[in-house]
Amino acid sequence: MKKIYVGNLPFSATEEQVRTLFSKHGTVQSVSLINDRETGRPRGFGFVEISDNGLAPALKALDGFEMDGRALKVNEAEAKPRGGNGGGSRW
């Protein structure tokens, strides 16, 4: 499975709509739309886990695809850096 970042989603988009859109290109394992922690309102982006063989076709077909008048930004999600030095000095 590969993880795809989906940006510029309409705030009205549902997980089911996103799943349907991506499942035309591969097997969708999961869809996660991100909401603001404080307000609970959609933030306009999310992540889709899709089969390895569905990654390239989905990126090609859906980057720039218009959903409710908004051009989606679709690319392979980058791994979030883990831990680290947290900045600051040790002195």
PDB file of N, CA and C in Angstrom:
ATOM      1  N   MET A   1       0.831  -1.181   0.000  1.00  0.00           N
ATOM      2  CA  MET A   1       0.000   0.000   0.000  1.00  0.00           C
ATOM      3  C   MET A   1       0.878   1.248   0.000  1.00  0.00           C
ATOM      4  N   LYS A   2       0.420   2.245  -0.711  1.00  0.00           N
ATOM      5  CA  LYS A   2       1.089   3.539  -0.770  1.00  0.00           C
ATOM      6  C   LYS A   2       0.148   4.600  -0.219  1.00  0.00           C
ATOM      7  N   LYS A   3       0.718   5.620   0.396  1.00  0.00           N
ATOM      8  CA  LYS A   3      -0.088   6.709   0.954  1.00  0.00           C
ATOM      9  C   LYS A   3       0.007   7.911   0.033  1.00  0.00           C
ATOM     10  N   ILE A   4      -1.153   8.484  -0.265  1.00  0.00           N
ATOM     11  CA  ILE A   4      -1.261   9.646  -1.154  1.00  0.00           C
ATOM     12  C   ILE A   4      -1.801  10.827  -0.357  1.00  0.00           C
ATOM     13  N   TYR A   5      -1.164  11.981  -0.544  1.00  0.00           N
ATOM     14  CA  TYR A   5      -1.655  13.232   0.015  1.00  0.00           C
ATOM     15  C   TYR A   5      -2.638  13.833  -0.985  1.00  0.00           C
ATOM     16  N   VAL A   6      -3.788  14.283  -0.498  1.00  0.00           N
ATOM     17  CA  VAL A   6      -4.795  14.926  -1.351  1.00  0.00           C
ATOM     18  C   VAL A   6      -5.088  16.297  -0.756  1.00  0.00           C
ATOM     19  N   GLY A   7      -4.691  17.344  -1.468  1.00  0.00           N
ATOM     20  CA  GLY A   7      -4.887  18.703  -0.989  1.00  0.00           C
ATOM     21  C   GLY A   7      -5.896  19.469  -1.821  1.00  0.00           C
ATOM     22  N   ASN A   8      -6.312  20.596  -1.306  1.00  0.00           N
ATOM     23  CA  ASN A   8      -7.281  21.494  -1.939  1.00  0.00           C
ATOM     24  C   ASN A   8      -8.650  20.829  -2.110  1.00  0.00           C
ATOM     25  N   LEU A   9      -8.973  19.938  -1.184  1.00  0.00           N
ATOM     26  CA  LEU A   9     -10.293  19.295  -1.216  1.00  0.00           C
ATOM     27  C   LEU A   9     -11.377  20.308  -0.870  1.00  0.00           C
ATOM     28  N   PRO A  10     -12.538  20.176  -1.486  1.00  0.00           N
ATOM     29  CA  PRO A  10     -13.655  21.021  -1.063  1.00  0.00           C
ATOM     30  C   PRO A  10     -13.988  20.682   0.399  1.00  0.00           C
ATOM     31  N   PHE A  11     -14.371  21.659   1.166  1.00  0.00           N
ATOM     32  CA  PHE A  11     -14.689  21.422   2.580  1.00  0.00           C
ATOM     33  C   PHE A  11     -15.899  20.505   2.738  1.00  0.00           C
ATOM     34  N   SER A  12     -16.688  20.372   1.675  1.00  0.00           N
ATOM     35  CA  SER A  12     -17.878  19.514   1.723  1.00  0.00           C
ATOM     36  C   SER A  12     -17.567  18.059   1.357  1.00  0.00           C
ATOM     37  N   ALA A  13     -16.334  17.761   0.959  1.00  0.00           N
ATOM     38  CA  ALA A  13     -15.976  16.403   0.526  1.00  0.00           C
ATOM     39  C   ALA A  13     -16.133  15.403   1.673  1.00  0.00           C
ATOM     40  N   THR A  14     -16.636  14.222   1.336  1.00  0.00           N
ATOM     41  CA  THR A  14     -16.777  13.154   2.329  1.00  0.00           C
ATOM     42  C   THR A  14     -15.760  12.053   2.039  1.00  0.00           C
ATOM     43  N   GLU A  15     -15.503  11.230   3.042  1.00  0.00           N
ATOM     44  CA  GLU A  15     -14.586  10.106   2.844  1.00  0.00           C
ATOM     45  C   GLU A  15     -15.101   9.189   1.743  1.00  0.00           C
ATOM     46  N   GLU A  16     -16.399   8.992   1.682  1.00  0.00           N
ATOM     47  CA  GLU A  16     -16.976   8.107   0.665  1.00  0.00           C
ATOM     48  C   GLU A  16     -16.755   8.666  -0.745  1.00  0.00           C
ATOM     49  N   GLN A  17     -16.910   9.970  -0.923  1.00  0.00           N
ATOM     50  CA  GLN A  17     -16.675  10.580  -2.238  1.00  0.00           C
ATOM     51  C   GLN A  17     -15.218  10.407  -2.657  1.00  0.00           C
ATOM     52  N   VAL A  18     -14.303  10.625  -1.733  1.00  0.00           N
ATOM     53  CA  VAL A  18     -12.873  10.499  -2.036  1.00  0.00           C
ATOM     54  C   VAL A  18     -12.536   9.036  -2.341  1.00  0.00           C
ATOM     55  N   ARG A  19     -13.088   8.109  -1.560  1.00  0.00           N
ATOM     56  CA  ARG A  19     -12.860   6.675  -1.793  1.00  0.00           C
ATOM     57  C   ARG A  19     -13.335   6.275  -3.194  1.00  0.00           C
ATOM     58  N   THR A  20     -14.525   6.729  -3.568  1.00  0.00           N
ATOM     59  CA  THR A  20     -15.078   6.407  -4.882  1.00  0.00           C
ATOM     60  C   THR A  20     -14.185   6.949  -5.999  1.00  0.00           C
ATOM     61  N   LEU A  21     -13.705   8.162  -5.839  1.00  0.00           N
ATOM     62  CA  LEU A  21     -12.846   8.798  -6.832  1.00  0.00           C
ATOM     63  C   LEU A  21     -11.552   8.009  -7.040  1.00  0.00           C
ATOM     64  N   PHE A  22     -10.913   7.611  -5.947  1.00  0.00           N
ATOM     65  CA  PHE A  22      -9.624   6.918  -6.034  1.00  0.00           C
ATOM     66  C   PHE A  22      -9.765   5.446  -6.392  1.00  0.00           C
ATOM     67  N   SER A  23     -10.890   4.814  -6.047  1.00  0.00           N
ATOM     68  CA  SER A  23     -11.022   3.388  -6.324  1.00  0.00           C
ATOM     69  C   SER A  23     -11.165   3.079  -7.810  1.00  0.00           C
ATOM     70  N   LYS A  24     -11.324   4.090  -8.621  1.00  0.00           N
ATOM     71  CA  LYS A  24     -11.312   3.884 -10.080  1.00  0.00           C
ATOM     72  C   LYS A  24      -9.903   3.544 -10.564  1.00  0.00           C
ATOM     73  N   HIS A  25      -8.893   3.792  -9.719  1.00  0.00           N
ATOM     74  CA  HIS A  25      -7.501   3.640 -10.128  1.00  0.00           C
ATOM     75  C   HIS A  25      -6.759   2.549  -9.373  1.00  0.00           C
ATOM     76  N   GLY A  26      -7.339   2.030  -8.301  1.00  0.00           N
ATOM     77  CA  GLY A  26      -6.701   0.966  -7.527  1.00  0.00           C
ATOM     78  C   GLY A  26      -7.537   0.638  -6.303  1.00  0.00           C
ATOM     79  N   THR A  27      -7.084  -0.351  -5.554  1.00  0.00           N
ATOM     80  CA  THR A  27      -7.788  -0.765  -4.348  1.00  0.00           C
ATOM     81  C   THR A  27      -7.473   0.205  -3.219  1.00  0.00           C
ATOM     82  N   VAL A  28      -8.508   0.830  -2.672  1.00  0.00           N
ATOM     83  CA  VAL A  28      -8.342   1.804  -1.602  1.00  0.00           C
ATOM     84  C   VAL A  28      -8.466   1.088  -0.256  1.00  0.00           C
ATOM     85  N   GLN A  29      -7.417   1.187   0.535  1.00  0.00           N
ATOM     86  CA  GLN A  29      -7.394   0.591   1.876  1.00  0.00           C
ATOM     87  C   GLN A  29      -8.070   1.513   2.885  1.00  0.00           C
ATOM     88  N   SER A  30      -7.738   2.820   2.822  1.00  0.00           N
ATOM     89  CA  SER A  30      -8.332   3.748   3.784  1.00  0.00           C
ATOM     90  C   SER A  30      -8.340   5.168   3.236  1.00  0.00           C
ATOM     91  N   VAL A  31      -9.235   5.972   3.789  1.00  0.00           N
ATOM     92  CA  VAL A  31      -9.327   7.398   3.476  1.00  0.00           C
ATOM     93  C   VAL A  31      -9.412   8.126   4.810  1.00  0.00           C
ATOM     94  N   SER A  32      -8.605   9.165   4.954  1.00  0.00           N
ATOM     95  CA  SER A  32      -8.620   9.944   6.190  1.00  0.00           C
ATOM     96  C   SER A  32      -8.634  11.427   5.830  1.00  0.00           C
ATOM     97  N   LEU A  33      -9.751  12.092   6.099  1.00  0.00           N
ATOM     98  CA  LEU A  33      -9.858  13.528   5.867  1.00  0.00           C
ATOM     99  C   LEU A  33      -9.564  14.231   7.186  1.00  0.00           C
ATOM    100  N   ILE A  34      -8.726  15.250   7.132  1.00  0.00           N
ATOM    101  CA  ILE A  34      -8.239  15.907   8.340  1.00  0.00           C
ATOM    102  C   ILE A  34      -9.147  17.071   8.743  1.00  0.00           C
ATOM    103  N   ASN A  35      -9.504  17.079  10.029  1.00  0.00           N
ATOM    104  CA  ASN A  35     -10.312  18.156  10.599  1.00  0.00           C
ATOM    105  C   ASN A  35      -9.473  18.972  11.566  1.00  0.00           C
ATOM    106  N   ASP A  36      -9.829  20.231  11.725  1.00  0.00           N
ATOM    107  CA  ASP A  36      -9.167  21.108  12.683  1.00  0.00           C
ATOM    108  C   ASP A  36      -9.440  20.590  14.100  1.00  0.00           C
ATOM    109  N   ARG A  37      -8.411  20.526  14.924  1.00  0.00           N
ATOM    110  CA  ARG A  37      -8.560  19.997  16.290  1.00  0.00           C
ATOM    111  C   ARG A  37      -9.483  20.844  17.149  1.00  0.00           C
ATOM    112  N   GLU A  38      -9.404  22.144  16.980  1.00  0.00           N
ATOM    113  CA  GLU A  38     -10.185  23.039  17.842  1.00  0.00           C
ATOM    114  C   GLU A  38     -11.628  23.201  17.389  1.00  0.00           C
ATOM    115  N   THR A  39     -11.831  23.358  16.080  1.00  0.00           N
ATOM    116  CA  THR A  39     -13.184  23.641  15.585  1.00  0.00           C
ATOM    117  C   THR A  39     -13.906  22.406  15.072  1.00  0.00           C
ATOM    118  N   GLY A  40     -13.142  21.358  14.718  1.00  0.00           N
ATOM    119  CA  GLY A  40     -13.759  20.158  14.156  1.00  0.00           C
ATOM    120  C   GLY A  40     -14.134  20.309  12.693  1.00  0.00           C
ATOM    121  N   ARG A  41     -13.815  21.459  12.107  1.00  0.00           N
ATOM    122  CA  ARG A  41     -14.153  21.711  10.707  1.00  0.00           C
ATOM    123  C   ARG A  41     -13.080  21.127   9.796  1.00  0.00           C
ATOM    124  N   PRO A  42     -13.475  20.734   8.574  1.00  0.00           N
ATOM    125  CA  PRO A  42     -12.499  20.173   7.623  1.00  0.00           C
ATOM    126  C   PRO A  42     -11.394  21.173   7.299  1.00  0.00           C
ATOM    127  N   ARG A  43     -10.177  20.649   7.109  1.00  0.00           N
ATOM    128  CA  ARG A  43      -9.035  21.501   6.783  1.00  0.00           C
ATOM    129  C   ARG A  43      -8.743  21.513   5.290  1.00  0.00           C
ATOM    130  N   GLY A  44      -9.462  20.709   4.507  1.00  0.00           N
ATOM    131  CA  GLY A  44      -9.292  20.749   3.057  1.00  0.00           C
ATOM    132  C   GLY A  44      -8.196  19.848   2.524  1.00  0.00           C
ATOM    133  N   PHE A  45      -7.749  18.880   3.336  1.00  0.00           N
ATOM    134  CA  PHE A  45      -6.790  17.903   2.834  1.00  0.00           C
ATOM    135  C   PHE A  45      -6.981  16.587   3.561  1.00  0.00           C
ATOM    136  N   GLY A  46      -6.354  15.557   3.009  1.00  0.00           N
ATOM    137  CA  GLY A  46      -6.464  14.239   3.619  1.00  0.00           C
ATOM    138  C   GLY A  46      -5.471  13.279   3.002  1.00  0.00           C
ATOM    139  N   PHE A  47      -5.626  12.015   3.351  1.00  0.00           N
ATOM    140  CA  PHE A  47      -4.723  10.970   2.879  1.00  0.00           C
ATOM    141  C   PHE A  47      -5.521   9.761   2.424  1.00  0.00           C
ATOM    142  N   VAL A  48      -5.010   9.113   1.375  1.00  0.00           N
ATOM    143  CA  VAL A  48      -5.624   7.904   0.843  1.00  0.00           C
ATOM    144  C   VAL A  48      -4.547   6.837   0.786  1.00  0.00           C
ATOM    145  N   GLU A  49      -4.853   5.656   1.314  1.00  0.00           N
ATOM    146  CA  GLU A  49      -3.950   4.517   1.148  1.00  0.00           C
ATOM    147  C   GLU A  49      -4.498   3.682   0.009  1.00  0.00           C
ATOM    148  N   ILE A  50      -3.643   3.458  -0.997  1.00  0.00           N
ATOM    149  CA  ILE A  50      -4.074   2.778  -2.217  1.00  0.00           C
ATOM    150  C   ILE A  50      -3.065   1.688  -2.570  1.00  0.00           C
ATOM    151  N   SER A  51      -3.514   0.685  -3.316  1.00  0.00           N
ATOM    152  CA  SER A  51      -2.629  -0.397  -3.727  1.00  0.00           C
ATOM    153  C   SER A  51      -1.446   0.158  -4.508  1.00  0.00           C
ATOM    154  N   ASP A  52      -0.296  -0.519  -4.397  1.00  0.00           N
ATOM    155  CA  ASP A  52       0.926  -0.064  -5.073  1.00  0.00           C
ATOM    156  C   ASP A  52       0.702   0.191  -6.554  1.00  0.00           C
ATOM    157  N   ASN A  53      -0.030  -0.718  -7.216  1.00  0.00           N
ATOM    158  CA  ASN A  53      -0.241  -0.559  -8.662  1.00  0.00           C
ATOM    159  C   ASN A  53      -1.248   0.536  -8.997  1.00  0.00           C
ATOM    160  N   GLY A  54      -1.944   1.069  -8.002  1.00  0.00           N
ATOM    161  CA  GLY A  54      -2.892   2.152  -8.238  1.00  0.00           C
ATOM    162  C   GLY A  54      -2.287   3.530  -8.050  1.00  0.00           C
ATOM    163  N   LEU A  55      -1.072   3.577  -7.484  1.00  0.00           N
ATOM    164  CA  LEU A  55      -0.453   4.867  -7.175  1.00  0.00           C
ATOM    165  C   LEU A  55      -0.249   5.731  -8.419  1.00  0.00           C
ATOM    166  N   ALA A  56       0.512   5.230  -9.389  1.00  0.00           N
ATOM    167  CA  ALA A  56       0.836   6.030 -10.581  1.00  0.00           C
ATOM    168  C   ALA A  56      -0.412   6.458 -11.358  1.00  0.00           C
ATOM    169  N   PRO A  57      -1.352   5.538 -11.623  1.00  0.00           N
ATOM    170  CA  PRO A  57      -2.555   5.974 -12.349  1.00  0.00           C
ATOM    171  C   PRO A  57      -3.360   7.034 -11.588  1.00  0.00           C
ATOM    172  N   ALA A  58      -3.439   6.900 -10.274  1.00  0.00           N
ATOM    173  CA  ALA A  58      -4.195   7.877  -9.483  1.00  0.00           C
ATOM    174  C   ALA A  58      -3.516   9.236  -9.519  1.00  0.00           C
ATOM    175  N   LEU A  59      -2.189   9.251  -9.373  1.00  0.00           N
ATOM    176  CA  LEU A  59      -1.464  10.525  -9.416  1.00  0.00           C
ATOM    177  C   LEU A  59      -1.661  11.207 -10.760  1.00  0.00           C
ATOM    178  N   LYS A  60      -1.537  10.433 -11.820  1.00  0.00           N
ATOM    179  CA  LYS A  60      -1.645  10.993 -13.171  1.00  0.00           C
ATOM    180  C   LYS A  60      -3.056  11.528 -13.446  1.00  0.00           C
ATOM    181  N   ALA A  61      -4.056  10.755 -13.054  1.00  0.00           N
ATOM    182  CA  ALA A  61      -5.437  11.122 -13.386  1.00  0.00           C
ATOM    183  C   ALA A  61      -6.023  12.196 -12.463  1.00  0.00           C
ATOM    184  N   LEU A  62      -5.595  12.222 -11.206  1.00  0.00           N
ATOM    185  CA  LEU A  62      -6.306  13.066 -10.247  1.00  0.00           C
ATOM    186  C   LEU A  62      -5.588  14.335  -9.824  1.00  0.00           C
ATOM    187  N   ASP A  63      -4.292  14.468 -10.114  1.00  0.00           N
ATOM    188  CA  ASP A  63      -3.618  15.727  -9.794  1.00  0.00           C
ATOM    189  C   ASP A  63      -4.159  16.792 -10.742  1.00  0.00           C
ATOM    190  N   GLY A  64      -4.806  17.803 -10.190  1.00  0.00           N
ATOM    191  CA  GLY A  64      -5.432  18.845 -11.009  1.00  0.00           C
ATOM    192  C   GLY A  64      -6.888  18.568 -11.324  1.00  0.00           C
ATOM    193  N   PHE A  65      -7.382  17.374 -10.972  1.00  0.00           N
ATOM    194  CA  PHE A  65      -8.787  17.008 -11.207  1.00  0.00           C
ATOM    195  C   PHE A  65      -9.678  17.973 -10.427  1.00  0.00           C
ATOM    196  N   GLU A  66     -10.739  18.464 -11.071  1.00  0.00           N
ATOM    197  CA  GLU A  66     -11.644  19.400 -10.409  1.00  0.00           C
ATOM    198  C   GLU A  66     -12.735  18.666  -9.661  1.00  0.00           C
ATOM    199  N   MET A  67     -12.814  18.960  -8.375  1.00  0.00           N
ATOM    200  CA  MET A  67     -13.867  18.403  -7.523  1.00  0.00           C
ATOM    201  C   MET A  67     -14.607  19.585  -6.912  1.00  0.00           C
ATOM    202  N   ASP A  68     -15.857  19.733  -7.269  1.00  0.00           N
ATOM    203  CA  ASP A  68     -16.673  20.860  -6.795  1.00  0.00           C
ATOM    204  C   ASP A  68     -15.981  22.201  -7.030  1.00  0.00           C
ATOM    205  N   GLY A  69     -15.363  22.353  -8.200  1.00  0.00           N
ATOM    206  CA  GLY A  69     -14.746  23.615  -8.586  1.00  0.00           C
ATOM    207  C   GLY A  69     -13.354  23.850  -8.025  1.00  0.00           C
ATOM    208  N   ARG A  70     -12.783  22.856  -7.356  1.00  0.00           N
ATOM    209  CA  ARG A  70     -11.429  23.006  -6.790  1.00  0.00           C
ATOM    210  C   ARG A  70     -10.505  21.985  -7.446  1.00  0.00           C
ATOM    211  N   ALA A  71      -9.356  22.465  -7.903  1.00  0.00           N
ATOM    212  CA  ALA A  71      -8.363  21.584  -8.532  1.00  0.00           C
ATOM    213  C   ALA A  71      -7.572  20.860  -7.440  1.00  0.00           C
ATOM    214  N   LEU A  72      -7.700  19.546  -7.397  1.00  0.00           N
ATOM    215  CA  LEU A  72      -7.019  18.758  -6.368  1.00  0.00           C
ATOM    216  C   LEU A  72      -5.512  18.771  -6.560  1.00  0.00           C
ATOM    217  N   LYS A  73      -4.798  18.724  -5.451  1.00  0.00           N
ATOM    218  CA  LYS A  73      -3.339  18.564  -5.474  1.00  0.00           C
ATOM    219  C   LYS A  73      -3.074  17.166  -4.923  1.00  0.00           C
ATOM    220  N   VAL A  74      -2.577  16.296  -5.783  1.00  0.00           N
ATOM    221  CA  VAL A  74      -2.417  14.893  -5.426  1.00  0.00           C
ATOM    222  C   VAL A  74      -0.973  14.481  -5.647  1.00  0.00           C
ATOM    223  N   ASN A  75      -0.332  13.971  -4.586  1.00  0.00           N
ATOM    224  CA  ASN A  75       1.019  13.441  -4.738  1.00  0.00           C
ATOM    225  C   ASN A  75       1.291  12.392  -3.667  1.00  0.00           C
ATOM    226  N   GLU A  76       2.371  11.651  -3.857  1.00  0.00           N
ATOM    227  CA  GLU A  76       2.714  10.622  -2.882  1.00  0.00           C
ATOM    228  C   GLU A  76       3.077  11.306  -1.570  1.00  0.00           C
ATOM    229  N   ALA A  77       2.491  10.811  -0.485  1.00  0.00           N
ATOM    230  CA  ALA A  77       2.753  11.402   0.832  1.00  0.00           C
ATOM    231  C   ALA A  77       4.189  11.130   1.235  1.00  0.00           C
ATOM    232  N   GLU A  78       4.796  12.123   1.863  1.00  0.00           N
ATOM    233  CA  GLU A  78       6.157  11.971   2.362  1.00  0.00           C
ATOM    234  C   GLU A  78       6.088  11.502   3.802  1.00  0.00           C
ATOM    235  N   ALA A  79       7.045  10.661   4.182  1.00  0.00           N
ATOM    236  CA  ALA A  79       7.085  10.166   5.555  1.00  0.00           C
ATOM    237  C   ALA A  79       7.325  11.331   6.505  1.00  0.00           C
ATOM    238  N   LYS A  80       6.585  11.341   7.575  1.00  0.00           N
ATOM    239  CA  LYS A  80       6.735  12.390   8.583  1.00  0.00           C
ATOM    240  C   LYS A  80       8.010  12.112   9.383  1.00  0.00           C
ATOM    241  N   PRO A  81       8.885  13.112   9.521  1.00  0.00           N
ATOM    242  CA  PRO A  81      10.118  12.879  10.287  1.00  0.00           C
ATOM    243  C   PRO A  81       9.795  12.498  11.730  1.00  0.00           C
ATOM    244  N   ARG A  82      10.516  11.536  12.236  1.00  0.00           N
ATOM    245  CA  ARG A  82      10.289  11.053  13.601  1.00  0.00           C
ATOM    246  C   ARG A  82      11.317  11.627  14.563  1.00  0.00           C
ATOM    247  N   GLY A  83      10.851  11.996  15.732  1.00  0.00           N
ATOM    248  CA  GLY A  83      11.740  12.412  16.805  1.00  0.00           C
ATOM    249  C   GLY A  83      12.837  13.356  16.349  1.00  0.00           C
ATOM    250  N   GLY A  84      13.986  13.216  16.948  1.00  0.00           N
ATOM    251  CA  GLY A  84      15.104  14.044  16.529  1.00  0.00           C
ATOM    252  C   GLY A  84      15.599  14.893  17.667  1.00  0.00           C
ATOM    253  N   ASN A  85      16.327  15.911  17.301  1.00  0.00           N
ATOM    254  CA  ASN A  85      16.956  16.711  18.338  1.00  0.00           C
ATOM    255  C   ASN A  85      16.067  17.815  18.878  1.00  0.00           C
ATOM    256  N   GLY A  86      14.918  18.052  18.291  1.00  0.00           N
ATOM    257  CA  GLY A  86      13.963  19.001  18.815  1.00  0.00           C
ATOM    258  C   GLY A  86      14.445  20.441  18.869  1.00  0.00           C
ATOM    259  N   GLY A  87      15.577  20.712  18.256  1.00  0.00           N
ATOM    260  CA  GLY A  87      16.087  22.078  18.246  1.00  0.00           C
ATOM    261  C   GLY A  87      16.592  22.490  19.614  1.00  0.00           C
ATOM    262  N   GLY A  88      17.099  23.639  19.678  1.00  0.00           N
ATOM    263  CA  GLY A  88      17.600  24.123  20.956  1.00  0.00           C
ATOM    264  C   GLY A  88      19.020  23.633  21.239  1.00  0.00           C
ATOM    265  N   SER A  89      19.568  24.144  22.287  1.00  0.00           N
ATOM    266  CA  SER A  89      20.947  23.832  22.627  1.00  0.00           C
ATOM    267  C   SER A  89      21.007  22.885  23.817  1.00  0.00           C
ATOM    268  N   ARG A  90      22.070  22.135  23.894  1.00  0.00           N
ATOM    269  CA  ARG A  90      22.262  21.243  25.027  1.00  0.00           C
ATOM    270  C   ARG A  90      23.081  21.922  26.115  1.00  0.00           C
ATOM    271  N   TRP A  91      23.503  23.139  25.926  1.00  0.00           N
ATOM    272  CA  TRP A  91      24.406  23.802  26.871  1.00  0.00           C
ATOM    273  C   TRP A  91      23.646  24.461  27.942  1.00  0.00           C
TER     274      TRP A  91
END
